[in-house]
């Protein structure tokens, strides 16, 4: 079974020249890990999303 993680990048907190939409998954993961935005538990992620601890308007997500 391949375990997936949810990675998030706070788009207003990255360098202007970092293309978070078109970058490789590896680069995206590195940036997300630098910001500390990695979820392994889908339930925890969902709870934070529903309680608005995560600002969906400024965070770009990938499931990798």
Protein backbone atom coordinates (compact mmCIF):
# COMPACT_ATOMS: atom_id res chain seq x y z
CA UNK A 1 0.00 0.00 0.00
CA UNK A 2 1.36 3.40 -1.00
CA UNK A 3 0.94 5.91 1.84
CA UNK A 4 0.10 9.42 0.66
CA UNK A 5 0.69 12.65 2.50
CA UNK A 6 -0.94 16.03 2.11
CA UNK A 7 1.54 18.84 1.53
CA UNK A 8 0.64 22.50 1.80
CA UNK A 9 2.45 25.67 0.80
CA UNK A 10 1.40 29.03 2.18
CA UNK A 11 1.56 30.99 -1.06
CA UNK A 12 2.05 34.40 0.53
CA UNK A 13 5.05 33.05 2.44
CA UNK A 14 7.26 31.84 -0.44
CA UNK A 15 9.80 33.48 -2.71
CA UNK A 16 8.21 35.23 -5.69
CA UNK A 17 10.27 33.19 -8.14
CA UNK A 18 9.10 29.80 -6.77
CA UNK A 19 6.52 28.35 -9.19
CA UNK A 20 4.48 26.22 -6.78
CA UNK A 21 1.92 25.33 -9.47
CA UNK A 22 4.36 23.91 -12.03
CA UNK A 23 7.24 22.74 -9.84
CA UNK A 24 8.14 19.08 -9.38
CA UNK A 25 6.55 17.11 -6.56
CA UNK A 26 9.98 16.86 -4.92
CA UNK A 27 10.43 20.65 -4.90
CA UNK A 28 6.88 21.09 -3.60
CA UNK A 29 7.52 18.58 -0.79
CA UNK A 30 10.77 20.32 0.16
CA UNK A 31 9.04 23.70 0.37
CA UNK A 32 6.11 22.29 2.35
CA UNK A 33 8.44 20.55 4.79
CA UNK A 34 10.34 23.82 5.28
CA UNK A 35 7.05 25.48 6.24
CA UNK A 36 6.00 22.55 8.42
CA UNK A 37 2.83 21.87 6.46
CA UNK A 38 2.71 18.11 6.00
CA UNK A 39 -0.16 15.91 7.10
CA UNK A 40 -0.03 12.13 7.28
CA UNK A 41 -3.38 11.77 9.01
CA UNK A 42 -6.35 12.62 6.78
CA UNK A 43 -8.67 12.96 9.79
CA UNK A 44 -6.36 15.52 11.43
CA UNK A 45 -6.12 17.45 8.17
CA UNK A 46 -9.92 17.42 7.75
CA UNK A 47 -10.48 18.58 11.32
CA UNK A 48 -8.04 21.47 10.88
CA UNK A 49 -9.64 22.39 7.57
CA UNK A 50 -13.17 22.32 9.01
CA UNK A 51 -12.18 24.32 12.09
CA UNK A 52 -10.54 26.90 9.80
CA UNK A 53 -7.09 26.41 11.31
CA UNK A 54 -5.96 26.14 7.69
CA UNK A 55 -6.56 29.18 5.48
CA UNK A 56 -7.62 27.65 2.15
CA UNK A 57 -7.33 31.00 0.38
CA UNK A 58 -3.54 31.22 0.77
CA UNK A 59 -2.51 27.56 0.95
CA UNK A 60 -1.93 25.41 -2.13
CA UNK A 61 -2.16 21.66 -1.50
CA UNK A 62 -0.88 18.50 -3.15
CA UNK A 63 -1.42 14.88 -2.22
CA UNK A 64 1.79 13.03 -2.92
